[in-house]
């Protein structure tokens, strides 16, 4: 089993930055994929960014050039650096990890508002 805990959300003004963290614990040795997704009020969950065990990254078009996904040196933490935040980035951000199973964290709220 794998447990995921997100942190780093909060309230920020448009144009600001936040860094989200996803800390994995448990049997993490076979995780090959870690991704960030978000769910805005009234909308379905959507892909934001991902990183594989080989450090191949992918970023959704709406956030490309503003968001960066990376892995910490301890390899059990994945970060989502979010710059130039916009009001439309407001959502609950979820971490997802996959080995033979699919795991989700509880989410962290990001609110972009003036």
Protein backbone atom coordinates (compact mmCIF):
# COMPACT_ATOMS: atom_id res chain seq x y z
CA UNK A 1 0.00 0.00 0.00
CA UNK A 2 1.01 3.58 -0.67
CA UNK A 3 -0.11 6.67 1.19
CA UNK A 4 0.00 10.14 -0.37
CA UNK A 5 -0.14 13.42 1.52
CA UNK A 6 -0.40 16.74 -0.28
CA UNK A 7 0.58 20.07 1.23
CA UNK A 8 1.36 23.62 0.21
CA UNK A 9 -2.02 24.89 -0.88
CA UNK A 10 -3.44 28.21 0.20
CA UNK A 11 -4.76 31.59 -0.85
CA UNK A 12 -2.68 33.62 -3.28
CA UNK A 13 -3.28 36.68 -5.43
CA UNK A 14 -3.27 36.46 -9.22
CA UNK A 15 0.30 36.41 -10.48
CA UNK A 16 1.56 34.78 -7.31
CA UNK A 17 3.27 31.44 -6.76
CA UNK A 18 2.78 28.33 -4.69
CA UNK A 19 4.67 25.06 -4.42
CA UNK A 20 2.67 21.94 -3.73
CA UNK A 21 4.26 18.83 -2.25
CA UNK A 22 3.16 15.22 -2.52
CA UNK A 23 4.85 12.97 0.01
CA UNK A 24 4.56 9.24 -0.56
CA UNK A 25 5.03 6.60 2.12
CA UNK A 26 4.58 2.86 2.40
CA UNK A 27 5.60 0.46 -0.34
CA UNK A 28 6.78 3.10 -2.81
CA UNK A 29 9.47 1.07 -4.57
CA UNK A 30 7.29 0.10 -7.55
CA UNK A 31 5.66 3.46 -8.23
CA UNK A 32 6.26 4.31 -11.89
CA UNK A 33 3.99 7.32 -12.26
CA UNK A 34 3.11 10.32 -10.09
CA UNK A 35 0.72 12.97 -11.26
CA UNK A 36 -1.11 16.09 -10.17
CA UNK A 37 -4.76 16.60 -10.99
CA UNK A 38 -7.19 19.32 -10.04
CA UNK A 39 -10.89 19.64 -9.53
CA UNK A 40 -12.57 23.02 -9.70
CA UNK A 41 -16.11 23.62 -8.40
CA UNK A 42 -18.65 22.24 -10.85
CA UNK A 43 -15.99 20.70 -13.09
CA UNK A 44 -14.56 17.23 -13.49
CA UNK A 45 -11.09 16.32 -12.32
CA UNK A 46 -8.44 17.19 -14.89
CA UNK A 47 -4.83 16.33 -15.49
CA UNK A 48 -2.24 18.97 -14.56
CA UNK A 49 1.21 17.38 -14.70
CA UNK A 50 3.01 14.10 -14.27
CA UNK A 51 6.44 12.58 -13.80
CA UNK A 52 7.54 9.01 -14.34
CA UNK A 53 10.13 6.95 -12.50
CA UNK A 54 12.49 7.76 -15.38
CA UNK A 55 11.80 11.45 -14.78
CA UNK A 56 9.87 11.95 -17.99
CA UNK A 57 7.50 14.86 -17.39
CA UNK A 58 4.29 16.01 -18.98
CA UNK A 59 2.34 19.22 -18.37
CA UNK A 60 -1.18 20.11 -19.47
CA UNK A 61 -1.53 22.85 -22.04
CA UNK A 62 -3.46 25.30 -19.77
CA UNK A 63 -0.55 25.43 -17.32
CA UNK A 64 2.40 24.90 -19.65
CA UNK A 65 5.09 27.50 -19.08
CA UNK A 66 3.71 28.33 -15.62
CA UNK A 67 3.74 25.01 -13.72
CA UNK A 68 6.71 22.68 -13.27
CA UNK A 69 6.72 19.19 -11.81
CA UNK A 70 9.84 17.78 -10.18
CA UNK A 71 11.04 15.13 -7.79
CA UNK A 72 12.84 15.74 -4.55
CA UNK A 73 16.28 14.30 -3.82
CA UNK A 74 14.77 11.73 -1.48
CA UNK A 75 12.56 10.56 -4.38
CA UNK A 76 9.53 10.07 -2.14
CA UNK A 77 8.33 13.63 -2.71
CA UNK A 78 7.04 15.20 -5.91
CA UNK A 79 6.61 18.94 -6.20
CA UNK A 80 4.38 21.11 -8.33
CA UNK A 81 5.78 24.62 -8.66
CA UNK A 82 3.02 26.96 -9.76
CA UNK A 83 3.95 30.43 -10.99
CA UNK A 84 1.91 33.26 -12.44
CA UNK A 85 -1.24 31.80 -10.94
CA UNK A 86 -4.57 32.77 -12.43
CA UNK A 87 -8.06 32.85 -10.97
CA UNK A 88 -8.95 29.86 -13.15
CA UNK A 89 -6.27 27.79 -11.39
CA UNK A 90 -8.48 27.75 -8.29
CA UNK A 91 -9.21 24.12 -7.46
CA UNK A 92 -8.50 21.26 -5.13
CA UNK A 93 -5.23 19.71 -6.25
CA UNK A 94 -4.79 15.97 -5.89
CA UNK A 95 -1.70 13.80 -6.07
CA UNK A 96 -1.97 10.45 -7.85
CA UNK A 97 0.52 7.59 -7.91
CA UNK A 98 0.45 4.28 -9.70
CA UNK A 99 2.13 0.93 -9.43
CA UNK A 100 -0.13 -2.05 -10.07
CA UNK A 101 -2.73 -0.05 -8.14
CA UNK A 102 -3.88 3.54 -8.27
CA UNK A 103 -3.52 5.81 -5.24
CA UNK A 104 -4.90 9.27 -4.46
CA UNK A 105 -4.21 11.79 -1.75
CA UNK A 106 -6.86 13.81 0.06
CA UNK A 107 -6.16 16.99 -1.89
CA UNK A 108 -5.05 20.49 -1.05
CA UNK A 109 -7.03 23.63 -1.78
CA UNK A 110 -5.53 26.32 -3.99
CA UNK A 111 -7.44 29.58 -4.19
CA UNK A 112 -6.33 32.38 -6.48
CA UNK A 113 -8.15 35.59 -5.73
CA UNK A 114 -7.55 39.28 -5.25
